[in-house]
Structure formats: structure tokens, C-alpha cells
Protein backbone atom coordinates (compact mmCIF):
# COMPACT_ATOMS: atom_id res chain seq x y z
CA MET A 1 -220.60 45.61 -124.16
CA THR A 2 -218.66 44.93 -126.63
CA SER A 3 -219.25 48.59 -129.14
CA PRO A 4 -220.31 51.48 -126.49
CA ASP A 5 -220.57 54.75 -127.53
CA ALA A 6 -218.33 56.08 -125.13
CA ILE A 7 -215.84 54.54 -122.59
CA LEU A 8 -215.15 55.96 -119.69
CA ILE A 9 -212.33 55.20 -117.92
CA GLY A 10 -212.95 55.68 -113.96
CA THR A 11 -215.81 55.39 -111.48
CA GLY A 12 -215.19 57.68 -108.88
CA VAL A 13 -217.71 60.09 -107.84
CA ILE A 14 -216.71 62.64 -111.52
CA GLY A 15 -217.00 59.16 -113.38
CA SER A 16 -219.87 57.74 -112.10
CA ALA A 17 -221.71 61.24 -112.18
CA ILE A 18 -220.97 61.27 -116.25
CA ALA A 19 -221.42 57.75 -116.97
CA PHE A 20 -225.69 59.11 -115.48
CA GLU A 21 -225.42 62.18 -117.25
CA MET A 22 -224.98 60.78 -120.63
CA ALA A 23 -226.57 57.68 -120.96
CA LYS A 24 -229.45 59.34 -119.84
CA ALA A 25 -229.31 61.57 -122.22
CA GLY A 26 -228.87 58.21 -125.29
CA TRP A 27 -224.80 57.54 -125.16
CA LYS A 28 -224.23 54.20 -124.64
CA THR A 29 -221.90 54.59 -122.36
CA LEU A 30 -219.79 51.58 -120.27
CA SER A 31 -217.02 52.27 -117.88
CA LEU A 32 -214.29 50.91 -116.96
CA ASP A 33 -212.27 50.77 -113.40
CA ARG A 34 -208.98 48.86 -112.51
CA ASN A 35 -210.24 49.36 -108.44
CA ALA A 36 -213.20 46.06 -107.69
CA GLN A 37 -215.79 48.61 -106.89
CA VAL A 38 -217.67 51.50 -107.43
CA GLY A 39 -216.51 54.63 -105.32
CA HIS A 40 -213.13 52.40 -104.31
CA GLY A 41 -210.20 55.37 -105.53
CA SER A 42 -209.68 58.57 -104.63
CA THR A 43 -213.48 58.71 -103.89
CA ALA A 44 -213.68 57.18 -101.76
CA GLY A 45 -211.08 58.36 -98.77
CA SER A 46 -212.79 61.81 -100.17
CA CYS A 47 -213.61 64.67 -97.37
CA ALA A 48 -217.14 64.75 -99.19
CA ILE A 49 -217.54 68.52 -98.13
CA ILE A 50 -220.81 70.36 -99.91
CA ARG A 51 -219.49 74.17 -99.63
CA MET A 52 -220.06 76.91 -101.61
CA HIS A 53 -217.64 79.56 -100.53
CA TYR A 54 -214.72 80.35 -104.01
CA SER A 55 -212.48 82.75 -104.55
CA THR A 56 -213.91 83.10 -108.61
CA PHE A 57 -217.36 83.74 -109.23
CA ASP A 58 -217.11 80.68 -111.95
CA GLY A 59 -215.98 78.39 -109.06
CA THR A 60 -219.06 79.81 -106.62
CA ALA A 61 -221.65 79.33 -109.66
CA PHE A 62 -220.75 75.91 -110.45
CA ALA A 63 -220.52 74.91 -106.37
CA TRP A 64 -223.95 76.96 -105.41
CA GLU A 65 -225.88 74.83 -108.83
CA GLY A 66 -224.02 71.81 -107.30
CA TYR A 67 -225.31 71.52 -104.10
CA HIS A 68 -229.02 71.59 -105.50
CA TYR A 69 -228.08 68.08 -106.14
CA TRP A 70 -227.04 66.73 -103.26
CA ARG A 71 -229.96 68.69 -101.11
CA ASP A 72 -232.20 66.34 -103.64
CA TRP A 73 -230.26 63.66 -103.95
CA GLY A 74 -233.21 60.99 -104.32
CA GLN A 75 -235.12 63.07 -106.58
CA TYR A 76 -231.94 63.98 -108.42
CA LEU A 77 -230.89 59.86 -108.85
CA GLY A 78 -234.66 58.97 -109.27
CA LEU A 79 -233.98 55.03 -107.77
CA PRO A 80 -236.55 53.31 -105.83
CA GLU A 81 -238.15 54.21 -102.71
CA ASP A 82 -235.95 51.20 -100.77
CA ALA A 83 -232.32 52.57 -103.07
CA ASP A 84 -229.57 52.24 -99.74
CA LEU A 85 -228.78 56.74 -100.47
CA ALA A 86 -225.40 58.24 -99.25
CA GLN A 87 -226.74 60.88 -97.12
CA PHE A 88 -226.15 64.63 -97.38
CA ARG A 89 -226.19 66.08 -94.04
CA GLU A 90 -226.43 70.03 -93.61
CA THR A 91 -224.06 71.48 -90.60
CA GLY A 92 -223.65 75.11 -92.45
CA CYS A 93 -219.84 76.12 -93.85
CA LEU A 94 -218.40 78.39 -91.68
CA VAL A 95 -214.77 80.29 -92.59
CA MET A 96 -212.63 82.37 -91.01
CA LYS A 97 -212.16 85.85 -92.05
CA THR A 98 -207.89 86.08 -92.69
CA GLU A 99 -205.90 88.08 -94.44
CA ALA A 100 -204.78 85.52 -96.60
CA ASN A 101 -207.75 84.95 -97.94
CA GLY A 102 -209.22 88.66 -98.57
CA PHE A 103 -211.55 88.65 -95.58
CA LEU A 104 -213.42 86.94 -97.69
CA ALA A 105 -214.71 90.10 -99.48
CA ARG A 106 -215.13 88.61 -102.37
CA HIS A 107 -216.67 85.02 -101.54
CA MET A 108 -219.11 87.55 -100.40
CA LYS A 109 -219.55 89.63 -103.77
CA ASN A 110 -219.61 85.88 -106.08
CA SER A 111 -222.11 84.55 -103.21
CA ALA A 112 -224.48 87.91 -102.79
CA ALA A 113 -223.75 88.04 -107.07
CA LEU A 114 -226.39 84.94 -107.44
CA GLY A 115 -228.02 85.02 -104.56
CA CYS A 116 -226.34 82.25 -102.58
CA PRO A 117 -227.09 82.92 -98.53
CA PHE A 118 -224.25 83.62 -96.55
CA ASP A 119 -224.49 85.79 -92.88
CA GLU A 120 -221.04 87.80 -91.21
CA LEU A 121 -220.17 85.93 -87.65
CA THR A 122 -218.70 88.24 -84.57
CA PRO A 123 -216.40 86.82 -83.03
CA ASP A 124 -218.54 86.43 -79.49
CA GLN A 125 -221.25 84.54 -82.27
CA ILE A 126 -219.00 81.95 -83.14
CA THR A 127 -217.59 80.78 -79.94
CA LYS A 128 -221.35 81.39 -78.90
CA ARG A 129 -221.38 78.28 -82.10
CA LEU A 130 -218.61 76.64 -81.43
CA PRO A 131 -217.43 77.18 -77.63
CA VAL A 132 -214.21 74.11 -77.55
CA TYR A 133 -212.37 77.54 -79.78
CA ALA A 134 -210.08 80.31 -78.76
CA LEU A 135 -209.48 82.65 -81.96
CA ASP A 136 -206.36 83.39 -81.28
CA SER A 137 -204.48 83.91 -84.24
CA TYR A 138 -201.39 82.36 -85.44
CA ALA A 139 -200.78 83.59 -88.54
CA PRO A 140 -199.07 82.63 -91.06
CA ALA A 141 -198.99 78.83 -90.42
CA LYS A 142 -196.13 76.79 -88.75
CA ARG A 143 -194.63 73.32 -88.81
CA MET A 144 -193.85 71.63 -85.60
CA ASP A 145 -190.29 72.20 -85.33
CA ASP A 146 -190.87 75.90 -85.72
CA PRO A 147 -190.38 78.17 -82.58
CA GLY A 148 -192.72 79.73 -83.06
CA PHE A 149 -195.68 77.07 -83.48
CA GLY A 150 -198.27 76.78 -80.94
CA HIS A 151 -197.26 81.11 -79.96
CA PRO A 152 -200.11 83.15 -80.74
CA ASN A 153 -199.04 86.14 -83.39
CA GLY A 154 -200.70 88.64 -80.84
CA GLY A 155 -203.57 89.28 -82.86
CA GLN A 156 -207.68 87.58 -82.39
CA LEU A 157 -210.15 86.84 -85.51
CA SER A 158 -212.57 89.33 -86.65
CA GLY A 159 -215.18 86.89 -87.54
CA GLY A 160 -216.60 84.66 -90.11
CA VAL A 161 -218.72 83.93 -92.84
CA LEU A 162 -221.31 81.10 -92.13
CA TRP A 163 -222.84 79.50 -95.60
CA PRO A 164 -225.62 77.68 -93.73
CA ASN A 165 -225.95 75.04 -96.65
CA GLY A 166 -222.58 74.01 -96.51
CA GLY A 167 -221.85 70.40 -94.72
CA TYR A 168 -221.04 67.04 -95.58
CA VAL A 169 -221.74 63.39 -97.45
CA THR A 170 -221.83 60.55 -94.92
CA ASP A 171 -220.21 57.87 -97.96
CA PRO A 172 -218.47 59.44 -100.68
CA ALA A 173 -218.13 56.07 -102.47
CA LEU A 174 -221.63 55.22 -101.79
CA SER A 175 -222.90 58.01 -103.41
CA ALA A 176 -220.55 57.01 -106.04
CA GLN A 177 -222.18 53.60 -106.43
CA ASN A 178 -226.17 55.57 -106.43
CA LEU A 179 -224.84 57.21 -109.70
CA MET A 180 -223.43 54.22 -110.92
CA GLN A 181 -226.75 52.45 -110.06
CA ALA A 182 -228.24 55.50 -111.62
CA ALA A 183 -226.26 55.58 -115.18
CA ARG A 184 -226.94 52.13 -115.01
CA GLN A 185 -230.80 52.03 -114.92
CA HIS A 186 -230.55 54.05 -118.39
CA GLY A 187 -228.37 50.97 -119.94
CA ALA A 188 -224.94 52.31 -119.37
CA GLU A 189 -222.48 49.39 -118.22
CA VAL A 190 -219.39 49.09 -116.15
CA ARG A 191 -216.21 46.74 -115.13
CA THR A 192 -214.66 46.57 -112.54
CA GLY A 193 -211.09 45.30 -112.06
CA ALA A 194 -210.45 46.66 -116.16
CA GLU A 195 -207.22 48.44 -115.99
CA VAL A 196 -206.34 50.49 -119.60
CA VAL A 197 -202.90 49.71 -120.61
CA GLU A 198 -203.32 51.71 -124.10
CA ILE A 199 -205.50 54.31 -126.25
CA LEU A 200 -206.00 53.24 -129.27
CA GLN A 201 -205.81 55.88 -132.32
CA SER A 202 -207.36 55.16 -135.74
CA GLY A 203 -206.36 57.87 -138.92
CA GLY A 204 -205.89 60.54 -136.26
CA ARG A 205 -209.34 59.68 -133.71
CA VAL A 206 -209.13 57.47 -130.78
CA GLN A 207 -210.79 54.20 -131.55
CA GLY A 208 -210.97 53.04 -128.37
CA VAL A 209 -208.65 51.87 -125.77
CA LYS A 210 -207.06 47.88 -124.84
CA LEU A 211 -207.10 46.13 -120.94
CA ALA A 212 -204.13 44.91 -119.38
CA CYS A 213 -205.73 41.61 -120.04
CA GLY A 214 -205.22 41.94 -124.20
CA GLU A 215 -208.75 42.60 -124.47
CA GLU A 216 -209.24 45.35 -127.17
CA ILE A 217 -212.58 47.56 -126.77
CA HIS A 218 -213.37 50.06 -129.22
CA ALA A 219 -215.87 53.31 -129.28
CA PRO A 220 -215.81 56.91 -130.74
CA VAL A 221 -215.27 58.49 -127.68
CA VAL A 222 -213.16 57.62 -124.62
CA VAL A 223 -213.36 60.51 -121.56
CA ASN A 224 -210.88 60.98 -118.75
CA VAL A 225 -212.26 60.26 -115.77
CA ALA A 226 -209.06 58.32 -114.10
CA GLY A 227 -208.74 60.47 -111.16
CA PRO A 228 -204.76 60.48 -109.76
CA GLY A 229 -203.61 58.31 -113.06
CA SER A 230 -205.74 60.81 -115.05
CA ALA A 231 -202.14 62.20 -116.27
CA LEU A 232 -200.59 58.96 -117.17
CA ILE A 233 -203.85 57.85 -119.19
CA ASN A 234 -203.15 61.27 -121.13
CA GLY A 235 -199.95 60.48 -121.34
CA MET A 236 -201.35 56.79 -123.01
CA ALA A 237 -203.27 59.06 -125.47
CA GLY A 238 -200.80 61.40 -126.50
CA VAL A 239 -202.32 65.13 -125.37
CA LEU A 240 -200.37 66.45 -123.40
CA GLU A 241 -198.33 68.65 -125.61
CA ASP A 242 -200.99 71.19 -126.49
CA MET A 243 -201.98 71.75 -122.28
CA THR A 244 -200.73 74.07 -120.54
CA ILE A 245 -202.68 72.78 -117.43
CA ALA A 246 -201.59 70.01 -115.54
CA THR A 247 -202.72 67.78 -113.70
CA ARG A 248 -201.07 65.33 -110.92
CA PRO A 249 -200.98 62.93 -108.05
CA LEU A 250 -200.69 64.39 -104.45
CA ARG A 251 -200.49 62.90 -101.22
CA GLN A 252 -202.73 63.75 -98.56
CA GLU A 253 -203.04 62.54 -95.06
CA VAL A 254 -206.33 63.40 -93.24
CA VAL A 255 -206.75 62.96 -89.38
CA HIS A 256 -209.61 61.59 -87.44
CA VAL A 257 -209.10 62.57 -83.62
CA PRO A 258 -212.68 62.24 -80.80
CA SER A 259 -214.52 65.91 -80.15
CA PRO A 260 -212.96 67.63 -77.03
CA GLU A 261 -215.39 66.17 -73.67
CA GLY A 262 -217.94 67.91 -72.80
CA PHE A 263 -219.21 68.84 -76.60
CA ASP A 264 -220.56 67.09 -79.94
CA PHE A 265 -218.82 67.62 -82.64
CA GLU A 266 -220.63 65.28 -84.68
CA SER A 267 -224.20 66.59 -83.59
CA ASP A 268 -223.25 70.34 -83.08
CA GLY A 269 -220.71 71.39 -85.18
CA LEU A 270 -220.46 71.84 -88.77
CA ILE A 271 -217.61 72.64 -91.53
CA VAL A 272 -214.83 75.39 -90.67
CA SER A 273 -212.63 76.51 -93.40
CA ASP A 274 -209.63 78.64 -91.05
CA SER A 275 -206.70 79.69 -93.18
CA ASP A 276 -205.33 81.16 -89.95
CA ILE A 277 -204.27 78.26 -88.94
CA ALA A 278 -204.28 76.64 -92.27
CA CYS A 279 -206.63 73.43 -90.99
CA TYR A 280 -210.01 73.12 -92.27
CA CYS A 281 -212.77 70.19 -90.68
CA ARG A 282 -216.05 68.59 -90.70
CA PRO A 283 -217.83 66.17 -88.16
CA GLU A 284 -216.33 63.17 -88.32
CA HIS A 285 -218.42 59.37 -87.10
CA GLY A 286 -218.56 58.51 -83.44
CA ASN A 287 -218.23 62.36 -82.14
CA HIS A 288 -215.28 63.21 -84.00
CA ILE A 289 -213.34 65.91 -85.85
CA LEU A 290 -212.44 65.00 -89.24
CA ILE A 291 -209.04 67.71 -89.82
CA GLY A 292 -207.52 68.26 -93.62
CA SER A 293 -204.83 70.20 -94.43
CA GLU A 294 -205.14 73.73 -96.93
CA ASP A 295 -202.18 73.38 -98.21
CA PRO A 296 -199.81 76.15 -96.23
CA GLU A 297 -196.51 77.31 -97.54
CA CYS A 298 -194.60 75.57 -94.66
CA ASP A 299 -195.81 71.89 -96.04
CA PRO A 300 -194.06 70.29 -98.54
CA HIS A 301 -196.08 69.09 -101.29
CA GLN A 302 -195.36 65.39 -101.36
CA TRP A 303 -196.29 64.67 -105.05
CA CYS A 304 -196.41 61.48 -106.28
CA GLU A 305 -194.71 59.36 -110.32
CA ASP A 306 -198.08 57.60 -110.35
CA ASP A 307 -201.09 56.05 -108.46
CA ALA A 308 -200.29 53.35 -108.27
CA HIS A 309 -197.44 53.35 -105.91
CA TYR A 310 -197.08 55.98 -102.72
CA ASP A 311 -196.59 55.72 -98.85
CA THR A 312 -200.00 54.75 -97.28
CA ASN A 313 -198.96 55.51 -93.81
CA PHE A 314 -199.45 58.28 -91.53
CA THR A 315 -196.28 60.71 -91.40
CA ASP A 316 -195.41 63.46 -88.81
CA GLN A 317 -197.69 65.60 -91.26
CA TRP A 318 -200.66 63.50 -88.64
CA THR A 319 -199.28 65.10 -86.14
CA THR A 320 -198.81 68.27 -87.63
CA GLN A 321 -202.58 69.18 -88.97
CA ALA A 322 -203.88 67.46 -85.30
CA MET A 323 -201.21 70.22 -82.97
CA ARG A 324 -202.69 73.17 -85.62
CA TYR A 325 -206.24 72.51 -85.22
CA ALA A 326 -205.10 72.02 -81.35
CA GLN A 327 -203.95 75.77 -81.04
CA ARG A 328 -207.84 77.12 -82.22
CA VAL A 329 -209.03 73.50 -79.40
CA PRO A 330 -207.18 74.20 -76.68
CA SER A 331 -209.22 71.42 -74.83
CA LEU A 332 -208.84 68.81 -77.92
CA GLY A 333 -206.65 65.66 -77.46
CA ILE A 334 -204.28 64.47 -79.37
CA PRO A 335 -204.69 60.64 -78.88
CA SER A 336 -201.21 58.27 -79.33
CA ARG A 337 -203.10 56.18 -82.39
CA MET A 338 -203.19 57.96 -85.63
CA ARG A 339 -206.55 57.30 -87.63
CA GLY A 340 -207.38 58.80 -90.77
CA VAL A 341 -207.47 58.53 -94.06
CA VAL A 342 -203.91 58.64 -96.82
CA ASP A 343 -204.83 58.40 -99.71
CA LEU A 344 -204.56 60.73 -103.29
CA TYR A 345 -205.54 63.97 -104.70
CA ASP A 346 -205.19 64.94 -108.96
CA ALA A 347 -203.83 68.26 -108.41
CA SER A 348 -204.14 70.55 -111.49
CA THR A 349 -201.52 73.49 -111.68
CA ASP A 350 -203.96 75.83 -110.35
CA TRP A 351 -205.94 73.89 -108.35
CA ILE A 352 -209.21 74.55 -110.54
CA PRO A 353 -210.58 71.37 -112.66
CA ILE A 354 -209.76 70.34 -116.33
CA TYR A 355 -213.53 70.37 -117.64
CA ASP A 356 -212.52 69.54 -121.77
CA ARG A 357 -211.54 68.17 -125.07
CA SER A 358 -208.30 67.25 -126.07
CA SER A 359 -206.11 67.16 -129.24
CA LEU A 360 -206.75 63.22 -130.22
CA PRO A 361 -210.23 63.79 -131.35
CA GLY A 362 -213.22 61.83 -129.82
CA PHE A 363 -210.60 62.12 -126.29
CA TYR A 364 -211.94 64.28 -123.25
CA MET A 365 -211.25 64.55 -119.78
CA ALA A 366 -212.63 65.57 -116.58
CA CYS A 367 -209.64 66.16 -115.12
CA GLY A 368 -207.42 67.80 -111.81
CA THR A 369 -210.76 67.73 -110.12
CA SER A 370 -209.93 66.66 -106.54
CA GLY A 371 -209.84 68.07 -103.04
CA ASN A 372 -212.63 70.47 -104.35
CA GLN A 373 -214.85 69.12 -106.93
CA TYR A 374 -216.60 66.24 -104.55
CA LYS A 375 -219.40 68.32 -105.06
CA ASN A 376 -219.70 69.64 -108.19
CA ALA A 377 -220.29 66.05 -109.88
CA PRO A 378 -223.86 66.20 -110.32
CA ILE A 379 -223.24 69.12 -112.25
CA ALA A 380 -219.83 68.29 -114.15
CA GLY A 381 -221.93 65.75 -115.24
CA LYS A 382 -224.60 67.36 -116.82
CA MET A 383 -222.10 69.82 -118.40
CA MET A 384 -219.09 67.05 -120.24
CA THR A 385 -222.28 65.53 -121.66
CA ALA A 386 -223.45 68.87 -123.62
CA LEU A 387 -219.58 69.46 -123.84
CA ILE A 388 -219.36 66.17 -125.27
CA ALA A 389 -222.52 66.42 -127.21
CA TYR A 390 -221.36 69.82 -129.53
CA CYS A 391 -217.76 69.05 -130.29
CA GLU A 392 -219.85 65.48 -131.27
CA GLY A 393 -221.76 67.68 -133.59
CA GLY A 394 -219.04 69.38 -135.32
CA GLY A 395 -218.59 72.07 -132.45
CA ASP A 396 -214.90 73.09 -132.11
CA HIS A 397 -214.75 74.51 -128.64
CA ASP A 398 -211.87 75.66 -128.79
CA ALA A 399 -211.81 78.04 -130.98
CA ASN A 400 -215.63 78.86 -130.01
CA PRO A 401 -215.89 77.28 -126.40
CA LEU A 402 -219.29 76.26 -124.79
CA HIS A 403 -221.81 78.06 -123.31
CA PHE A 404 -223.99 76.56 -120.89
CA GLU A 405 -226.93 77.07 -118.47
CA LEU A 406 -226.67 75.78 -114.70
CA PRO A 407 -230.24 74.36 -114.74
CA TYR A 408 -231.01 75.90 -110.96
CA LEU A 409 -229.28 79.36 -111.12
CA GLY A 410 -230.28 79.51 -115.14
CA LYS A 411 -226.69 81.03 -115.17
CA GLU A 412 -224.95 81.06 -118.38
CA VAL A 413 -221.33 80.12 -117.75
CA ASP A 414 -218.37 79.96 -120.28
CA VAL A 415 -217.14 75.99 -120.24
CA GLY A 416 -213.33 77.74 -121.05
CA PHE A 417 -213.08 78.66 -117.80
CA TYR A 418 -211.48 74.76 -117.93
CA SER A 419 -209.96 75.09 -120.25
CA ARG A 420 -206.43 72.59 -120.47
CA LYS A 421 -204.65 75.35 -122.89
CA ARG A 422 -206.14 78.45 -120.05
CA PRO A 423 -203.79 79.87 -119.53
CA ILE A 424 -203.55 80.18 -115.10
CA ASN A 425 -205.97 80.95 -112.61
CA GLU A 426 -204.11 84.10 -111.01
CA GLU A 427 -207.25 84.69 -108.88
CA SER A 428 -206.81 80.25 -107.89
CA SER A 429 -206.27 80.07 -103.79
CA PHE A 430 -203.68 77.23 -105.38
CA SER A 431 -204.92 75.14 -102.63
CA VAL A 432 -207.37 73.04 -101.78
CA LEU A 433 -209.67 75.77 -101.66
CA GLY A 434 -209.46 75.69 -105.38
């Protein structure tokens, strides 16, 4: 495509969803990615968890809306019946009540207001569902070199909240490929192995991009959906100056360990978020448990200068996360061979994404999405398509933010909530929880 209406930089799950929604709306889109395959950036390393619990009302509404597209994945995509589709496993998502999350009072209030189902569970109900669990409290989370590591604080968890519609997608890279395949059905094009090195501008407006090979591609709209590379792309466009919210690549390690003997976590487990030990987990293929960190204060953030040069080897963080989870599951075996994923998040200042225009007319951003926005990809695609149409049609999103109706919920959201110029949201967890 030599003269697209819009160039999208990035083919992760968010970028592919935007391509799909823009193509359905009649845009001639060209998606570019420096990787060899669609979905093979940070999306491929995503835990792909579909959850509804957020500390903010807007976050909860967006996530509950997003669930419906995963539930109806095949219908949403409209691909041929024999298409190889990513699978959504609706296991349920259990969140432990802790002082750190306000015993989930805000989360339950948000869900109740939106008609999103949840059930409060007693400690006995939790251990009946997860018999390998012990509910001793260890807060605050500690590192292994702390003398108090592994010693209960004398308290017990008071219970949890189960969101029965939570779950995970078995193959996140495939989900991005599904979206791009669906976008192609509507005329979208994609080029992999294409690295953007310059954002072209003229007359105070974006004009397209220049690739590493020297080729220029012109378009009146460019959308930055570059994941952990988003800050570099924004820098190329010269749009950082008016942004109060920044994005940076953050290195993360995810642990895979075998389920304890006698319990089939792959079949009988569920998503569990546990701020008492600062870990979340989900079932993993081969009766394994995937364990991620909830970014406690004691763990140093490993920020990276760029998204191309970072340590891909496991560190003692792997062991720390495995051992933290073993506090909750005393029968857990810690294998000598480290297995899991080392990848990057595209994290924003307050861990809430930027879905916005920029100070450069025609240049848009869907950034800071890693860690907690995978589940929202379809609705983010719809909202970004509406935002771009609003701004290109003359709307002043900075002065009069777009109000967008969530199709399933029939609720209107103020897209200014995701502004690049917003105040830092103090209701955020300032962690992967969003």
C-alpha cells in the first residue's frame, strides 16, 4: 500500500485491534512492525489475563466491556469457521482481600455499579476451591534476603472476592494474528520486518514515516502502538513536551513451576491475585502455574533505556517470585531449572494507558498499555477509531474530550480519562494491577 489513510506502528494485540476496527470503519490502514511476525513483540510474552477488578470505575467499565469480546471471540472477528482461533479459558479470578487493596471495597462497588458479577468467599471457601493453599498472612512482601522472609506475621487472610468471568487467553500472539487476519478481510495491509526510524512532518502536521531501509511512506494519520518502543517513537515525533504522563520499557520476569503433586492446577486452578505476597498466578499448559509479580515496593524496578537492549536472562527475581508464592502453597516444588518469560512492559507513570491525540496533528498514541490492558484490546480498538475520527473531523479532544459509548454496557466514558496531559491518577495501584 503506497498511500494509506493511516499508518499504525506496531502489530501487538492493541495495534492489531486498532487496525481491525479502523479497517471496518473504512480506513485504508497499513500496519508496520520491525518483528518478523504479527504479535511477536511484548504481546507474545503477555500473561493474557482477562479480569474485571480495577480500583477505578473507568478501568472497571473498560475491562468488563472488554470481556464480552473475548467471550464471543469468533463472532467478533467474523473469520471463516476453520480459522485457528486463540482460546479464552474462563476459569474465574480470585482476589485476596488485604489491607493493601482496601479489602476490595472500591473494586466491589465499581463492579456492583456496572452489573459485573462477583462473589465474596470466606477462607474456608477459598481452601475448598484451592486445597493446596494456606492463608497465613506475610504482608508486607519481602525479598529473600530479608530476615523476615517466609515468616508469617501472625495474621490470616480474611477472605477474597471471586469474579467468575475472569480467565486467560491461551495464546496471546495468536490472538493478535487473529485480529490482523480479520483486519485484512476489510482491506488492511501489514508489513513485518519494517523498522520506523523517523516520523515525517510538514506544515505542522504528520506526513508519514521513514523506514530503516530508507523508504518513505506517506499518510495523513500515524498511530503509535509500538508497545515498549512507544517512548522512542514519541520522541521521534517530538511530542513529549506537553505530556504529563510518560511511558518507559520495564523489564519483567514471569515464573513457570509445576503444580503441587496431587492437584491439577491447569484443570482446577484459576487466576489468583494476592497482594499479601505480591504475586498473581494463572494456570499454564502442562499442569504448570504461571507466577507474576504485583510490583511490591521492595522489588527494584528494572527500567530499560530502550526496548531492543535488555537482559533476557533470569535473575534472582525468578527465585524471589517462586518462593513468595510458595508461602501461599507450602507443597510447591521449586525446580532447579528456571522456566518462564523475560520480557518488557510499556508502563506509564500511573500504570493507566494513554489513548489520545498528540501535540502533532495527525499523530495519535495508544501507549503505556502493558501489564494490564491486554484484555481491553478490542474495546481500545473501537475507542481509538472513534477518537481518531473525532479529531480528524475537527473535534478538539484536549478542550472537549470525546465521550464514547461502550457498546455492550451502554455506558458512556470520558476518553479524557486516558489523556496524555492528565494529572497522575492517585486512585491507581501504581503497579501491574492498574
